[in-house]
Amino acid sequence: METAGEGRGTAPGEAELPGDTEQEVLRFLQARTRRPWQTDTDLFAKGGLSSLFAMELVVHLEKSFGVSIRGADLRLDNFRTVEAMTALVQRLRASAAGARGE
């Protein structure tokens, strides 16, 4: 079982390609569920996510990618697929970099 802080994402502020983010999210999902997933699979419809596991996933994304997921970003559509989670992480990282003037 992976413990907090063991994510393999890049440090906050480092550039990361969307494919790298997708691969890390897939790695985490497959390790935790012991099932293969496609990036466009609806994880809720296919039984891959429960509400409890969704919160674990939020924590993993925050720690692995140095993002803060709050408020409106916590809606289910942002976690429905690996593609949606990748887009969320990329958007949050870009917003944080823009706020820092990078």
PDB file of N, CA and C in Angstrom:
ATOM      1  N   MET A   1       0.841  -1.190   0.000  1.00  0.00           N
ATOM      2  CA  MET A   1       0.000   0.000   0.000  1.00  0.00           C
ATOM      3  C   MET A   1       0.874   1.236   0.000  1.00  0.00           C
ATOM      4  N   GLU A   2       0.527   2.191  -0.804  1.00  0.00           N
ATOM      5  CA  GLU A   2       1.278   3.424  -0.892  1.00  0.00           C
ATOM      6  C   GLU A   2       0.898   4.332   0.263  1.00  0.00           C
ATOM      7  N   THR A   3       1.879   4.967   0.859  1.00  0.00           N
ATOM      8  CA  THR A   3       1.605   5.886   1.956  1.00  0.00           C
ATOM      9  C   THR A   3       1.675   7.309   1.455  1.00  0.00           C
ATOM     10  N   ALA A   4       1.143   8.214   2.259  1.00  0.00           N
ATOM     11  CA  ALA A   4       1.134   9.625   1.881  1.00  0.00           C
ATOM     12  C   ALA A   4       2.549  10.085   1.596  1.00  0.00           C
ATOM     13  N   GLY A   5       2.697  10.897   0.565  1.00  0.00           N
ATOM     14  CA  GLY A   5       3.985  11.458   0.237  1.00  0.00           C
ATOM     15  C   GLY A   5       4.836  10.591  -0.679  1.00  0.00           C
ATOM     16  N   GLU A   6       4.346   9.407  -1.072  1.00  0.00           N
ATOM     17  CA  GLU A   6       5.129   8.539  -1.926  1.00  0.00           C
ATOM     18  C   GLU A   6       4.782   8.692  -3.395  1.00  0.00           C
ATOM     19  N   GLY A   7       4.048   9.717  -3.754  1.00  0.00           N
ATOM     20  CA  GLY A   7       3.672   9.899  -5.148  1.00  0.00           C
ATOM     21  C   GLY A   7       4.890  10.091  -6.018  1.00  0.00           C
ATOM     22  N   ARG A   8       4.714   9.828  -7.297  1.00  0.00           N
ATOM     23  CA  ARG A   8       5.836   9.914  -8.210  1.00  0.00           C
ATOM     24  C   ARG A   8       5.705  11.089  -9.159  1.00  0.00           C
ATOM     25  N   GLY A   9       4.869  12.049  -8.856  1.00  0.00           N
ATOM     26  CA  GLY A   9       4.716  13.223  -9.697  1.00  0.00           C
ATOM     27  C   GLY A   9       5.907  14.149  -9.526  1.00  0.00           C
ATOM     28  N   THR A  10       5.924  15.229 -10.274  1.00  0.00           N
ATOM     29  CA  THR A  10       7.014  16.178 -10.155  1.00  0.00           C
ATOM     30  C   THR A  10       6.754  17.122  -9.003  1.00  0.00           C
ATOM     31  N   ALA A  11       7.790  17.800  -8.597  1.00  0.00           N
ATOM     32  CA  ALA A  11       7.660  18.768  -7.513  1.00  0.00           C
ATOM     33  C   ALA A  11       6.861  19.961  -8.004  1.00  0.00           C
ATOM     34  N   PRO A  12       6.191  20.667  -7.080  1.00  0.00           N
ATOM     35  CA  PRO A  12       5.441  21.849  -7.482  1.00  0.00           C
ATOM     36  C   PRO A  12       6.329  22.819  -8.245  1.00  0.00           C
ATOM     37  N   GLY A  13       5.804  23.355  -9.328  1.00  0.00           N
ATOM     38  CA  GLY A  13       6.548  24.323 -10.107  1.00  0.00           C
ATOM     39  C   GLY A  13       7.338  23.705 -11.254  1.00  0.00           C
ATOM     40  N   GLU A  14       7.536  22.380 -11.248  1.00  0.00           N
ATOM     41  CA  GLU A  14       8.243  21.725 -12.336  1.00  0.00           C
ATOM     42  C   GLU A  14       7.270  21.447 -13.477  1.00  0.00           C
ATOM     43  N   ALA A  15       7.773  21.555 -14.703  1.00  0.00           N
ATOM     44  CA  ALA A  15       6.937  21.257 -15.866  1.00  0.00           C
ATOM     45  C   ALA A  15       6.673  19.761 -15.931  1.00  0.00           C
ATOM     46  N   GLU A  16       5.509  19.410 -16.372  1.00  0.00           N
ATOM     47  CA  GLU A  16       5.154  18.002 -16.529  1.00  0.00           C
ATOM     48  C   GLU A  16       4.236  17.880 -17.725  1.00  0.00           C
ATOM     49  N   LEU A  17       4.468  16.868 -18.536  1.00  0.00           N
ATOM     50  CA  LEU A  17       3.638  16.635 -19.706  1.00  0.00           C
ATOM     51  C   LEU A  17       2.349  15.936 -19.304  1.00  0.00           C
ATOM     52  N   PRO A  18       1.253  16.212 -20.019  1.00  0.00           N
ATOM     53  CA  PRO A  18      -0.011  15.545 -19.697  1.00  0.00           C
ATOM     54  C   PRO A  18       0.101  14.021 -19.698  1.00  0.00           C
ATOM     55  N   GLY A  19       0.887  13.455 -20.603  1.00  0.00           N
ATOM     56  CA  GLY A  19       1.059  12.003 -20.648  1.00  0.00           C
ATOM     57  C   GLY A  19       1.694  11.462 -19.382  1.00  0.00           C
ATOM     58  N   ASP A  20       2.615  12.231 -18.786  1.00  0.00           N
ATOM     59  CA  ASP A  20       3.237  11.824 -17.528  1.00  0.00           C
ATOM     60  C   ASP A  20       2.205  11.807 -16.407  1.00  0.00           C
ATOM     61  N   THR A  21       1.352  12.815 -16.387  1.00  0.00           N
ATOM     62  CA  THR A  21       0.299  12.887 -15.375  1.00  0.00           C
ATOM     63  C   THR A  21      -0.654  11.710 -15.545  1.00  0.00           C
ATOM     64  N   GLU A  22      -1.065  11.448 -16.777  1.00  0.00           N
ATOM     65  CA  GLU A  22      -1.958  10.312 -17.052  1.00  0.00           C
ATOM     66  C   GLU A  22      -1.354   9.007 -16.559  1.00  0.00           C
ATOM     67  N   GLN A  23      -0.081   8.797 -16.852  1.00  0.00           N
ATOM     68  CA  GLN A  23       0.571   7.544 -16.464  1.00  0.00           C
ATOM     69  C   GLN A  23       0.640   7.393 -14.951  1.00  0.00           C
ATOM     70  N   GLU A  24       0.899   8.483 -14.230  1.00  0.00           N
ATOM     71  CA  GLU A  24       0.945   8.414 -12.770  1.00  0.00           C
ATOM     72  C   GLU A  24      -0.438   8.122 -12.197  1.00  0.00           C
ATOM     73  N   VAL A  25      -1.475   8.757 -12.737  1.00  0.00           N
ATOM     74  CA  VAL A  25      -2.836   8.505 -12.251  1.00  0.00           C
ATOM     75  C   VAL A  25      -3.226   7.053 -12.545  1.00  0.00           C
ATOM     76  N   LEU A  26      -2.929   6.576 -13.741  1.00  0.00           N
ATOM     77  CA  LEU A  26      -3.214   5.177 -14.086  1.00  0.00           C
ATOM     78  C   LEU A  26      -2.458   4.221 -13.165  1.00  0.00           C
ATOM     79  N   ARG A  27      -1.190   4.503 -12.907  1.00  0.00           N
ATOM     80  CA  ARG A  27      -0.379   3.659 -12.035  1.00  0.00           C
ATOM     81  C   ARG A  27      -1.012   3.557 -10.658  1.00  0.00           C
ATOM     82  N   PHE A  28      -1.424   4.696 -10.107  1.00  0.00           N
ATOM     83  CA  PHE A  28      -2.040   4.722  -8.784  1.00  0.00           C
ATOM     84  C   PHE A  28      -3.358   3.941  -8.783  1.00  0.00           C
ATOM     85  N   LEU A  29      -4.214   4.210  -9.761  1.00  0.00           N
ATOM     86  CA  LEU A  29      -5.508   3.516  -9.845  1.00  0.00           C
ATOM     87  C   LEU A  29      -5.331   2.009  -9.971  1.00  0.00           C
ATOM     88  N   GLN A  30      -4.441   1.599 -10.843  1.00  0.00           N
ATOM     89  CA  GLN A  30      -4.247   0.170 -11.063  1.00  0.00           C
ATOM     90  C   GLN A  30      -3.637  -0.506  -9.843  1.00  0.00           C
ATOM     91  N   ALA A  31      -2.726   0.177  -9.161  1.00  0.00           N
ATOM     92  CA  ALA A  31      -2.124  -0.395  -7.954  1.00  0.00           C
ATOM     93  C   ALA A  31      -3.159  -0.548  -6.844  1.00  0.00           C
ATOM     94  N   ARG A  32      -4.027   0.435  -6.706  1.00  0.00           N
ATOM     95  CA  ARG A  32      -5.007   0.429  -5.614  1.00  0.00           C
ATOM     96  C   ARG A  32      -6.211  -0.466  -5.905  1.00  0.00           C
ATOM     97  N   THR A  33      -6.622  -0.561  -7.176  1.00  0.00           N
ATOM     98  CA  THR A  33      -7.814  -1.354  -7.504  1.00  0.00           C
ATOM     99  C   THR A  33      -7.465  -2.733  -8.056  1.00  0.00           C
ATOM    100  N   ARG A  34      -6.213  -2.917  -8.425  1.00  0.00           N
ATOM    101  CA  ARG A  34      -5.750  -4.168  -9.039  1.00  0.00           C
ATOM    102  C   ARG A  34      -6.550  -4.510 -10.307  1.00  0.00           C
ATOM    103  N   ARG A  35      -6.895  -3.456 -11.043  1.00  0.00           N
ATOM    104  CA  ARG A  35      -7.632  -3.601 -12.302  1.00  0.00           C
ATOM    105  C   ARG A  35      -6.991  -2.700 -13.347  1.00  0.00           C
ATOM    106  N   PRO A  36      -6.994  -3.125 -14.616  1.00  0.00           N
ATOM    107  CA  PRO A  36      -6.504  -2.237 -15.676  1.00  0.00           C
ATOM    108  C   PRO A  36      -7.569  -1.191 -16.015  1.00  0.00           C
ATOM    109  N   TRP A  37      -7.149  -0.006 -16.356  1.00  0.00           N
ATOM    110  CA  TRP A  37      -8.073   1.075 -16.714  1.00  0.00           C
ATOM    111  C   TRP A  37      -7.597   1.754 -17.982  1.00  0.00           C
ATOM    112  N   GLN A  38      -8.544   2.252 -18.753  1.00  0.00           N
ATOM    113  CA  GLN A  38      -8.251   3.093 -19.909  1.00  0.00           C
ATOM    114  C   GLN A  38      -8.427   4.545 -19.471  1.00  0.00           C
ATOM    115  N   THR A  39      -7.780   5.457 -20.158  1.00  0.00           N
ATOM    116  CA  THR A  39      -7.841   6.861 -19.752  1.00  0.00           C
ATOM    117  C   THR A  39      -9.225   7.474 -19.919  1.00  0.00           C
ATOM    118  N   ASP A  40     -10.068   6.876 -20.774  1.00  0.00           N
ATOM    119  CA  ASP A  40     -11.403   7.442 -21.003  1.00  0.00           C
ATOM    120  C   ASP A  40     -12.525   6.640 -20.337  1.00  0.00           C
ATOM    121  N   THR A  41     -12.183   5.664 -19.504  1.00  0.00           N
ATOM    122  CA  THR A  41     -13.192   4.858 -18.810  1.00  0.00           C
ATOM    123  C   THR A  41     -13.858   5.671 -17.708  1.00  0.00           C
ATOM    124  N   ASP A  42     -15.181   5.631 -17.639  1.00  0.00           N
ATOM    125  CA  ASP A  42     -15.917   6.289 -16.560  1.00  0.00           C
ATOM    126  C   ASP A  42     -15.733   5.442 -15.297  1.00  0.00           C
ATOM    127  N   LEU A  43     -14.901   5.919 -14.401  1.00  0.00           N
ATOM    128  CA  LEU A  43     -14.525   5.150 -13.212  1.00  0.00           C
ATOM    129  C   LEU A  43     -15.688   4.927 -12.261  1.00  0.00           C
ATOM    130  N   PHE A  44     -16.604   5.869 -12.195  1.00  0.00           N
ATOM    131  CA  PHE A  44     -17.768   5.710 -11.319  1.00  0.00           C
ATOM    132  C   PHE A  44     -18.736   4.681 -11.901  1.00  0.00           C
ATOM    133  N   ALA A  45     -18.980   4.760 -13.206  1.00  0.00           N
ATOM    134  CA  ALA A  45     -19.914   3.834 -13.852  1.00  0.00           C
ATOM    135  C   ALA A  45     -19.391   2.399 -13.846  1.00  0.00           C
ATOM    136  N   LYS A  46     -18.082   2.231 -13.916  1.00  0.00           N
ATOM    137  CA  LYS A  46     -17.480   0.895 -13.970  1.00  0.00           C
ATOM    138  C   LYS A  46     -17.090   0.361 -12.595  1.00  0.00           C
ATOM    139  N   GLY A  47     -17.461   1.080 -11.537  1.00  0.00           N
ATOM    140  CA  GLY A  47     -17.182   0.592 -10.189  1.00  0.00           C
ATOM    141  C   GLY A  47     -15.757   0.787  -9.721  1.00  0.00           C
ATOM    142  N   GLY A  48     -15.019   1.659 -10.377  1.00  0.00           N
ATOM    143  CA  GLY A  48     -13.629   1.894  -9.990  1.00  0.00           C
ATOM    144  C   GLY A  48     -13.469   2.838  -8.827  1.00  0.00           C
ATOM    145  N   LEU A  49     -14.464   3.694  -8.607  1.00  0.00           N
ATOM    146  CA  LEU A  49     -14.364   4.684  -7.543  1.00  0.00           C
ATOM    147  C   LEU A  49     -15.578   4.648  -6.635  1.00  0.00           C
ATOM    148  N   SER A  50     -15.311   4.667  -5.369  1.00  0.00           N
ATOM    149  CA  SER A  50     -16.349   4.902  -4.363  1.00  0.00           C
ATOM    150  C   SER A  50     -16.092   6.309  -3.841  1.00  0.00           C
ATOM    151  N   SER A  51     -16.997   6.847  -3.066  1.00  0.00           N
ATOM    152  CA  SER A  51     -16.777   8.190  -2.534  1.00  0.00           C
ATOM    153  C   SER A  51     -15.558   8.219  -1.615  1.00  0.00           C
ATOM    154  N   LEU A  52     -15.330   7.157  -0.859  1.00  0.00           N
ATOM    155  CA  LEU A  52     -14.166   7.100   0.031  1.00  0.00           C
ATOM    156  C   LEU A  52     -12.870   7.044  -0.777  1.00  0.00           C
ATOM    157  N   PHE A  53     -12.840   6.210  -1.810  1.00  0.00           N
ATOM    158  CA  PHE A  53     -11.644   6.124  -2.641  1.00  0.00           C
ATOM    159  C   PHE A  53     -11.428   7.422  -3.411  1.00  0.00           C
ATOM    160  N   ALA A  54     -12.493   8.101  -3.790  1.00  0.00           N
ATOM    161  CA  ALA A  54     -12.362   9.382  -4.484  1.00  0.00           C
ATOM    162  C   ALA A  54     -11.619  10.387  -3.610  1.00  0.00           C
ATOM    163  N   MET A  55     -11.890  10.390  -2.311  1.00  0.00           N
ATOM    164  CA  MET A  55     -11.184  11.307  -1.411  1.00  0.00           C
ATOM    165  C   MET A  55      -9.711  10.914  -1.287  1.00  0.00           C
ATOM    166  N   GLU A  56      -9.427   9.626  -1.275  1.00  0.00           N
ATOM    167  CA  GLU A  56      -8.037   9.161  -1.258  1.00  0.00           C
ATOM    168  C   GLU A  56      -7.324   9.614  -2.535  1.00  0.00           C
ATOM    169  N   LEU A  57      -8.037   9.563  -3.639  1.00  0.00           N
ATOM    170  CA  LEU A  57      -7.480   9.999  -4.911  1.00  0.00           C
ATOM    171  C   LEU A  57      -7.189  11.498  -4.904  1.00  0.00           C
ATOM    172  N   VAL A  58      -8.080  12.292  -4.327  1.00  0.00           N
ATOM    173  CA  VAL A  58      -7.850  13.737  -4.211  1.00  0.00           C
ATOM    174  C   VAL A  58      -6.546  13.989  -3.460  1.00  0.00           C
ATOM    175  N   VAL A  59      -6.370  13.322  -2.335  1.00  0.00           N
ATOM    176  CA  VAL A  59      -5.150  13.495  -1.532  1.00  0.00           C
ATOM    177  C   VAL A  59      -3.925  13.082  -2.347  1.00  0.00           C
ATOM    178  N   HIS A  60      -4.030  11.982  -3.070  1.00  0.00           N
ATOM    179  CA  HIS A  60      -2.906  11.524  -3.894  1.00  0.00           C
ATOM    180  C   HIS A  60      -2.554  12.564  -4.962  1.00  0.00           C
ATOM    181  N   LEU A  61      -3.543  13.094  -5.650  1.00  0.00           N
ATOM    182  CA  LEU A  61      -3.285  14.100  -6.682  1.00  0.00           C
ATOM    183  C   LEU A  61      -2.631  15.337  -6.083  1.00  0.00           C
ATOM    184  N   GLU A  62      -3.128  15.784  -4.934  1.00  0.00           N
ATOM    185  CA  GLU A  62      -2.557  16.967  -4.292  1.00  0.00           C
ATOM    186  C   GLU A  62      -1.096  16.741  -3.920  1.00  0.00           C
ATOM    187  N   LYS A  63      -0.796  15.616  -3.315  1.00  0.00           N
ATOM    188  CA  LYS A  63       0.572  15.334  -2.874  1.00  0.00           C
ATOM    189  C   LYS A  63       1.508  15.035  -4.041  1.00  0.00           C
ATOM    190  N   SER A  64       1.032  14.301  -5.019  1.00  0.00           N
ATOM    191  CA  SER A  64       1.883  13.906  -6.141  1.00  0.00           C
ATOM    192  C   SER A  64       2.191  15.049  -7.091  1.00  0.00           C
ATOM    193  N   PHE A  65       1.231  15.950  -7.272  1.00  0.00           N
ATOM    194  CA  PHE A  65       1.388  16.984  -8.280  1.00  0.00           C
ATOM    195  C   PHE A  65       1.464  18.396  -7.713  1.00  0.00           C
ATOM    196  N   GLY A  66       1.457  18.525  -6.394  1.00  0.00           N
ATOM    197  CA  GLY A  66       1.615  19.838  -5.776  1.00  0.00           C
ATOM    198  C   GLY A  66       0.482  20.796  -6.080  1.00  0.00           C
ATOM    199  N   VAL A  67      -0.729  20.274  -6.162  1.00  0.00           N
ATOM    200  CA  VAL A  67      -1.894  21.115  -6.435  1.00  0.00           C
ATOM    201  C   VAL A  67      -2.808  21.121  -5.216  1.00  0.00           C
ATOM    202  N   SER A  68      -3.692  22.084  -5.176  1.00  0.00           N
ATOM    203  CA  SER A  68      -4.703  22.167  -4.128  1.00  0.00           C
ATOM    204  C   SER A  68      -6.067  22.072  -4.800  1.00  0.00           C
ATOM    205  N   ILE A  69      -6.812  21.031  -4.459  1.00  0.00           N
ATOM    206  CA  ILE A  69      -8.122  20.799  -5.078  1.00  0.00           C
ATOM    207  C   ILE A  69      -9.185  21.200  -4.069  1.00  0.00           C
ATOM    208  N   ARG A  70      -9.885  22.281  -4.350  1.00  0.00           N
ATOM    209  CA  ARG A  70     -10.855  22.843  -3.415  1.00  0.00           C
ATOM    210  C   ARG A  70     -12.130  23.272  -4.140  1.00  0.00           C
ATOM    211  N   GLY A  71     -13.164  23.487  -3.364  1.00  0.00           N
ATOM    212  CA  GLY A  71     -14.407  24.079  -3.857  1.00  0.00           C
ATOM    213  C   GLY A  71     -14.955  23.427  -5.107  1.00  0.00           C
ATOM    214  N   ALA A  72     -15.171  24.246  -6.133  1.00  0.00           N
ATOM    215  CA  ALA A  72     -15.792  23.780  -7.377  1.00  0.00           C
ATOM    216  C   ALA A  72     -14.970  22.704  -8.080  1.00  0.00           C
ATOM    217  N   ASP A  73     -13.667  22.645  -7.814  1.00  0.00           N
ATOM    218  CA  ASP A  73     -12.825  21.624  -8.444  1.00  0.00           C
ATOM    219  C   ASP A  73     -13.098  20.225  -7.906  1.00  0.00           C
ATOM    220  N   LEU A  74     -13.828  20.110  -6.803  1.00  0.00           N
ATOM    221  CA  LEU A  74     -14.135  18.812  -6.209  1.00  0.00           C
ATOM    222  C   LEU A  74     -15.356  18.131  -6.837  1.00  0.00           C
ATOM    223  N   ARG A  75     -15.889  18.675  -7.915  1.00  0.00           N
ATOM    224  CA  ARG A  75     -17.070  18.051  -8.525  1.00  0.00           C
ATOM    225  C   ARG A  75     -16.700  16.740  -9.210  1.00  0.00           C
ATOM    226  N   LEU A  76     -17.642  15.808  -9.246  1.00  0.00           N
ATOM    227  CA  LEU A  76     -17.404  14.458  -9.756  1.00  0.00           C
ATOM    228  C   LEU A  76     -16.858  14.421 -11.174  1.00  0.00           C
ATOM    229  N   ASP A  77     -17.295  15.322 -12.022  1.00  0.00           N
ATOM    230  CA  ASP A  77     -16.842  15.293 -13.412  1.00  0.00           C
ATOM    231  C   ASP A  77     -15.326  15.426 -13.532  1.00  0.00           C
ATOM    232  N   ASN A  78     -14.678  16.066 -12.565  1.00  0.00           N
ATOM    233  CA  ASN A  78     -13.221  16.198 -12.596  1.00  0.00           C
ATOM    234  C   ASN A  78     -12.503  14.897 -12.256  1.00  0.00           C
ATOM    235  N   PHE A  79     -13.236  13.893 -11.768  1.00  0.00           N
ATOM    236  CA  PHE A  79     -12.640  12.627 -11.337  1.00  0.00           C
ATOM    237  C   PHE A  79     -13.240  11.419 -12.049  1.00  0.00           C
ATOM    238  N   ARG A  80     -14.112  11.675 -13.005  1.00  0.00           N
ATOM    239  CA  ARG A  80     -14.831  10.596 -13.682  1.00  0.00           C
ATOM    240  C   ARG A  80     -13.899   9.723 -14.528  1.00  0.00           C
ATOM    241  N   THR A  81     -12.909  10.320 -15.172  1.00  0.00           N
ATOM    242  CA  THR A  81     -11.961   9.579 -16.011  1.00  0.00           C
ATOM    243  C   THR A  81     -10.539  10.027 -15.694  1.00  0.00           C
ATOM    244  N   VAL A  82      -9.576   9.226 -16.113  1.00  0.00           N
ATOM    245  CA  VAL A  82      -8.170   9.616 -15.969  1.00  0.00           C
ATOM    246  C   VAL A  82      -7.911  10.871 -16.792  1.00  0.00           C
ATOM    247  N   GLU A  83      -8.522  10.967 -17.960  1.00  0.00           N
ATOM    248  CA  GLU A  83      -8.368  12.162 -18.795  1.00  0.00           C
ATOM    249  C   GLU A  83      -8.850  13.412 -18.064  1.00  0.00           C
ATOM    250  N   ALA A  84      -9.983  13.313 -17.370  1.00  0.00           N
ATOM    251  CA  ALA A  84     -10.522  14.460 -16.631  1.00  0.00           C
ATOM    252  C   ALA A  84      -9.593  14.855 -15.486  1.00  0.00           C
ATOM    253  N   MET A  85      -9.044  13.865 -14.784  1.00  0.00           N
ATOM    254  CA  MET A  85      -8.118  14.167 -13.683  1.00  0.00           C
ATOM    255  C   MET A  85      -6.835  14.799 -14.205  1.00  0.00           C
ATOM    256  N   THR A  86      -6.362  14.322 -15.351  1.00  0.00           N
ATOM    257  CA  THR A  86      -5.168  14.897 -15.962  1.00  0.00           C
ATOM    258  C   THR A  86      -5.415  16.351 -16.330  1.00  0.00           C
ATOM    259  N   ALA A  87      -6.555  16.628 -16.941  1.00  0.00           N
ATOM    260  CA  ALA A  87      -6.898  18.005 -17.308  1.00  0.00           C
ATOM    261  C   ALA A  87      -6.995  18.887 -16.068  1.00  0.00           C
ATOM    262  N   LEU A  88      -7.582  18.376 -14.995  1.00  0.00           N
ATOM    263  CA  LEU A  88      -7.689  19.133 -13.748  1.00  0.00           C
ATOM    264  C   LEU A  88      -6.306  19.465 -13.206  1.00  0.00           C
ATOM    265  N   VAL A  89      -5.432  18.479 -13.118  1.00  0.00           N
ATOM    266  CA  VAL A  89      -4.077  18.709 -12.602  1.00  0.00           C
ATOM    267  C   VAL A  89      -3.340  19.720 -13.470  1.00  0.00           C
ATOM    268  N   GLN A  90      -3.407  19.567 -14.779  1.00  0.00           N
ATOM    269  CA  GLN A  90      -2.716  20.496 -15.678  1.00  0.00           C
ATOM    270  C   GLN A  90      -3.255  21.921 -15.514  1.00  0.00           C
ATOM    271  N   ARG A  91      -4.570  22.059 -15.406  1.00  0.00           N
ATOM    272  CA  ARG A  91      -5.171  23.388 -15.231  1.00  0.00           C
ATOM    273  C   ARG A  91      -4.742  24.014 -13.914  1.00  0.00           C
ATOM    274  N   LEU A  92      -4.775  23.237 -12.830  1.00  0.00           N
ATOM    275  CA  LEU A  92      -4.391  23.767 -11.523  1.00  0.00           C
ATOM    276  C   LEU A  92      -2.917  24.134 -11.477  1.00  0.00           C
ATOM    277  N   ARG A  93      -2.071  23.336 -12.101  1.00  0.00           N
ATOM    278  CA  ARG A  93      -0.635  23.648 -12.133  1.00  0.00           C
ATOM    279  C   ARG A  93      -0.381  24.908 -12.954  1.00  0.00           C
ATOM    280  N   ALA A  94      -1.091  25.057 -14.070  1.00  0.00           N
ATOM    281  CA  ALA A  94      -0.931  26.249 -14.899  1.00  0.00           C
ATOM    282  C   ALA A  94      -1.408  27.491 -14.154  1.00  0.00           C
ATOM    283  N   SER A  95      -2.521  27.372 -13.433  1.00  0.00           N
ATOM    284  CA  SER A  95      -3.033  28.502 -12.648  1.00  0.00           C
ATOM    285  C   SER A  95      -2.050  28.899 -11.562  1.00  0.00           C
ATOM    286  N   ALA A  96      -1.471  27.906 -10.887  1.00  0.00           N
ATOM    287  CA  ALA A  96      -0.509  28.187  -9.820  1.00  0.00           C
ATOM    288  C   ALA A  96       0.747  28.840 -10.390  1.00  0.00           C
ATOM    289  N   ALA A  97       1.217  28.356 -11.544  1.00  0.00           N
ATOM    290  CA  ALA A  97       2.402  28.937 -12.174  1.00  0.00           C
ATOM    291  C   ALA A  97       2.114  30.372 -12.608  1.00  0.00           C
ATOM    292  N   GLY A  98       0.919  30.609 -13.150  1.00  0.00           N
ATOM    293  CA  GLY A  98       0.538  31.956 -13.555  1.00  0.00           C
ATOM    294  C   GLY A  98       0.461  32.906 -12.379  1.00  0.00           C
ATOM    295  N   ALA A  99      -0.041  32.415 -11.258  1.00  0.00           N
ATOM    296  CA  ALA A  99      -0.139  33.245 -10.054  1.00  0.00           C
ATOM    297  C   ALA A  99       1.243  33.601  -9.517  1.00  0.00           C
ATOM    298  N   ARG A 100       2.223  32.702  -9.756  1.00  0.00           N
ATOM    299  CA  ARG A 100       3.594  32.970  -9.306  1.00  0.00           C
ATOM    300  C   ARG A 100       4.367  33.772 -10.342  1.00  0.00           C
ATOM    301  N   GLY A 101       3.766  34.025 -11.506  1.00  0.00           N
ATOM    302  CA  GLY A 101       4.416  34.794 -12.552  1.00  0.00           C
ATOM    303  C   GLY A 101       5.405  33.996 -13.380  1.00  0.00           C
ATOM    304  N   GLU A 102       5.230  32.689 -13.431  1.00  0.00           N
ATOM    305  CA  GLU A 102       6.150  31.834 -14.208  1.00  0.00           C
ATOM    306  C   GLU A 102       5.718  31.751 -15.641  1.00  0.00           C
TER     307      GLU A 102
END
